[in-house]
């Protein structure tokens, strides 16, 4: 059960990396590469710390929290896919699905 929570944390770190990678690959010119490469993960951190984390300022419960997770993690998968990292996006999506199932089975929400 603890390993599933570790996986969850690692997936959240991977979300940051996916957004950063997307930003660097998408931006045109060094300024926009840095802006998107730093800004996209920073936006995730702000949204997650406000609404999604266990110590969120405005915690969401139930379906709203699940929808937030769905959007944030799905956008990270889409970001990887958009940069041409199709296999990585598929593996990431599978790990997210497995983690979500185990979170429910072990009542870790």
C-alpha atoms as a PDB file:
ATOM      1  CA  UNK A   1       0.000   0.000   0.000  1.00  0.00           C
ATOM      2  CA  UNK A   2       2.829   2.385   0.767  1.00  0.00           C
ATOM      3  CA  UNK A   3       4.371   1.629  -2.635  1.00  0.00           C
ATOM      4  CA  UNK A   4       1.215   2.891  -4.309  1.00  0.00           C
ATOM      5  CA  UNK A   5       1.546   6.228  -2.507  1.00  0.00           C
ATOM      6  CA  UNK A   6       5.189   6.388  -3.576  1.00  0.00           C
ATOM      7  CA  UNK A   7       4.068   5.708  -7.148  1.00  0.00           C
ATOM      8  CA  UNK A   8       1.513   8.499  -6.806  1.00  0.00           C
ATOM      9  CA  UNK A   9       4.193  10.955  -5.696  1.00  0.00           C
ATOM     10  CA  UNK A  10       6.474   9.909  -8.564  1.00  0.00           C
ATOM     11  CA  UNK A  11       3.621  10.355 -11.041  1.00  0.00           C
ATOM     12  CA  UNK A  12       3.092  13.893  -9.745  1.00  0.00           C
ATOM     13  CA  UNK A  13       6.800  14.607 -10.296  1.00  0.00           C
ATOM     14  CA  UNK A  14       6.467  13.151 -13.796  1.00  0.00           C
ATOM     15  CA  UNK A  15       3.581  15.536 -14.461  1.00  0.00           C
ATOM     16  CA  UNK A  16       5.910  18.442 -13.667  1.00  0.00           C
ATOM     17  CA  UNK A  17       8.553  17.021 -15.971  1.00  0.00           C
ATOM     18  CA  UNK A  18       6.032  16.403 -18.779  1.00  0.00           C
ATOM     19  CA  UNK A  19       4.759  19.988 -18.619  1.00  0.00           C
ATOM     20  CA  UNK A  20       8.311  21.326 -18.551  1.00  0.00           C
ATOM     21  CA  UNK A  21       9.393  19.138 -21.455  1.00  0.00           C
ATOM     22  CA  UNK A  22       6.343  20.208 -23.456  1.00  0.00           C
ATOM     23  CA  UNK A  23       7.115  23.858 -22.769  1.00  0.00           C
ATOM     24  CA  UNK A  24      10.724  23.573 -23.882  1.00  0.00           C
ATOM     25  CA  UNK A  25       9.807  21.623 -27.008  1.00  0.00           C
ATOM     26  CA  UNK A  26       6.877  23.872 -27.936  1.00  0.00           C
ATOM     27  CA  UNK A  27       8.385  27.310 -27.351  1.00  0.00           C
ATOM     28  CA  UNK A  28       9.920  29.197 -30.242  1.00  0.00           C
ATOM     29  CA  UNK A  29      13.110  30.955 -29.250  1.00  0.00           C
ATOM     30  CA  UNK A  30      14.963  30.715 -25.973  1.00  0.00           C
ATOM     31  CA  UNK A  31      12.719  33.208 -24.150  1.00  0.00           C
ATOM     32  CA  UNK A  32       9.494  31.336 -24.884  1.00  0.00           C
ATOM     33  CA  UNK A  33      11.123  27.950 -24.313  1.00  0.00           C
ATOM     34  CA  UNK A  34      12.110  29.072 -20.809  1.00  0.00           C
ATOM     35  CA  UNK A  35       8.789  30.810 -20.198  1.00  0.00           C
ATOM     36  CA  UNK A  36       6.751  27.741 -21.118  1.00  0.00           C
ATOM     37  CA  UNK A  37       9.276  25.275 -19.686  1.00  0.00           C
ATOM     38  CA  UNK A  38       9.096  26.937 -16.281  1.00  0.00           C
ATOM     39  CA  UNK A  39       5.609  28.461 -16.458  1.00  0.00           C
ATOM     40  CA  UNK A  40       3.645  25.311 -17.278  1.00  0.00           C
ATOM     41  CA  UNK A  41       5.010  23.299 -14.318  1.00  0.00           C
ATOM     42  CA  UNK A  42       4.647  26.345 -12.065  1.00  0.00           C
ATOM     43  CA  UNK A  43       0.981  26.638 -13.033  1.00  0.00           C
ATOM     44  CA  UNK A  44       0.494  22.965 -12.131  1.00  0.00           C
ATOM     45  CA  UNK A  45       2.139  23.521  -8.741  1.00  0.00           C
ATOM     46  CA  UNK A  46      -0.104  26.488  -7.980  1.00  0.00           C
ATOM     47  CA  UNK A  47      -3.313  24.695  -9.003  1.00  0.00           C
ATOM     48  CA  UNK A  48      -2.344  21.493  -7.215  1.00  0.00           C
ATOM     49  CA  UNK A  49      -1.322  23.261  -4.007  1.00  0.00           C
ATOM     50  CA  UNK A  50      -4.527  25.305  -3.968  1.00  0.00           C
ATOM     51  CA  UNK A  51      -7.013  22.549  -4.765  1.00  0.00           C
ATOM     52  CA  UNK A  52      -5.524  19.053  -5.099  1.00  0.00           C
ATOM     53  CA  UNK A  53      -2.829  18.341  -2.538  1.00  0.00           C
ATOM     54  CA  UNK A  54      -3.579  16.760   0.844  1.00  0.00           C
ATOM     55  CA  UNK A  55      -2.808  20.120   2.503  1.00  0.00           C
ATOM     56  CA  UNK A  56      -4.609  22.241  -0.124  1.00  0.00           C
ATOM     57  CA  UNK A  57      -5.779  25.729   0.739  1.00  0.00           C
ATOM     58  CA  UNK A  58      -9.183  25.026  -0.837  1.00  0.00           C
ATOM     59  CA  UNK A  59      -9.421  21.213  -0.848  1.00  0.00           C
ATOM     60  CA  UNK A  60     -11.775  19.555  -3.284  1.00  0.00           C
ATOM     61  CA  UNK A  61     -13.600  16.398  -2.327  1.00  0.00           C
ATOM     62  CA  UNK A  62     -15.091  13.485  -4.181  1.00  0.00           C
ATOM     63  CA  UNK A  63     -15.962  13.978  -7.815  1.00  0.00           C
ATOM     64  CA  UNK A  64     -14.430  17.466  -8.052  1.00  0.00           C
ATOM     65  CA  UNK A  65     -11.073  16.222  -6.827  1.00  0.00           C
ATOM     66  CA  UNK A  66     -11.214  13.311  -9.256  1.00  0.00           C
ATOM     67  CA  UNK A  67     -12.026  15.705 -12.122  1.00  0.00           C
ATOM     68  CA  UNK A  68      -9.065  17.916 -11.199  1.00  0.00           C
ATOM     69  CA  UNK A  69      -6.779  14.873 -11.189  1.00  0.00           C
ATOM     70  CA  UNK A  70      -8.223  13.697 -14.492  1.00  0.00           C
ATOM     71  CA  UNK A  71      -7.577  17.050 -16.152  1.00  0.00           C
ATOM     72  CA  UNK A  72      -4.069  17.552 -14.754  1.00  0.00           C
ATOM     73  CA  UNK A  73      -2.832  14.030 -15.455  1.00  0.00           C
ATOM     74  CA  UNK A  74      -4.556  13.825 -18.861  1.00  0.00           C
ATOM     75  CA  UNK A  75      -2.991  17.098 -19.968  1.00  0.00           C
ATOM     76  CA  UNK A  76       0.421  15.732 -19.005  1.00  0.00           C
ATOM     77  CA  UNK A  77      -0.187  12.634 -21.139  1.00  0.00           C
ATOM     78  CA  UNK A  78      -1.364  14.840 -24.010  1.00  0.00           C
ATOM     79  CA  UNK A  79       1.715  17.033 -23.596  1.00  0.00           C
ATOM     80  CA  UNK A  80       3.996  14.021 -23.954  1.00  0.00           C
ATOM     81  CA  UNK A  81       2.050  12.810 -26.968  1.00  0.00           C
ATOM     82  CA  UNK A  82       2.168  16.266 -28.568  1.00  0.00           C
ATOM     83  CA  UNK A  83       5.958  16.327 -28.329  1.00  0.00           C
ATOM     84  CA  UNK A  84       6.240  13.029 -30.171  1.00  0.00           C
ATOM     85  CA  UNK A  85       6.838  10.876 -27.095  1.00  0.00           C
ATOM     86  CA  UNK A  86       3.986   8.506 -27.922  1.00  0.00           C
ATOM     87  CA  UNK A  87       5.322   5.401 -26.167  1.00  0.00           C
ATOM     88  CA  UNK A  88       6.193   7.380 -23.066  1.00  0.00           C
ATOM     89  CA  UNK A  89       2.702   8.915 -23.068  1.00  0.00           C
ATOM     90  CA  UNK A  90       1.124   5.453 -23.293  1.00  0.00           C
ATOM     91  CA  UNK A  91       3.245   4.051 -20.454  1.00  0.00           C
ATOM     92  CA  UNK A  92       2.522   7.127 -18.349  1.00  0.00           C
ATOM     93  CA  UNK A  93      -1.222   6.810 -18.981  1.00  0.00           C
ATOM     94  CA  UNK A  94      -1.170   3.115 -18.034  1.00  0.00           C
ATOM     95  CA  UNK A  95       0.687   3.871 -14.797  1.00  0.00           C
ATOM     96  CA  UNK A  96      -1.815   6.603 -13.949  1.00  0.00           C
ATOM     97  CA  UNK A  97      -4.741   4.238 -14.519  1.00  0.00           C
ATOM     98  CA  UNK A  98      -3.144   1.494 -12.415  1.00  0.00           C
ATOM     99  CA  UNK A  99      -2.413   3.996  -9.658  1.00  0.00           C
ATOM    100  CA  UNK A 100      -5.996   5.310  -9.686  1.00  0.00           C
ATOM    101  CA  UNK A 101      -7.376   1.778  -9.432  1.00  0.00           C
ATOM    102  CA  UNK A 102      -5.065   0.942  -6.534  1.00  0.00           C
ATOM    103  CA  UNK A 103      -5.915   4.202  -4.766  1.00  0.00           C
ATOM    104  CA  UNK A 104      -9.547   3.133  -4.839  1.00  0.00           C
ATOM    105  CA  UNK A 105      -8.895  -0.486  -3.862  1.00  0.00           C
ATOM    106  CA  UNK A 106      -6.710   0.494  -0.890  1.00  0.00           C
ATOM    107  CA  UNK A 107      -8.980   3.427   0.111  1.00  0.00           C
ATOM    108  CA  UNK A 108      -6.086   5.897  -0.157  1.00  0.00           C
ATOM    109  CA  UNK A 109      -8.088   8.887  -1.334  1.00  0.00           C
END
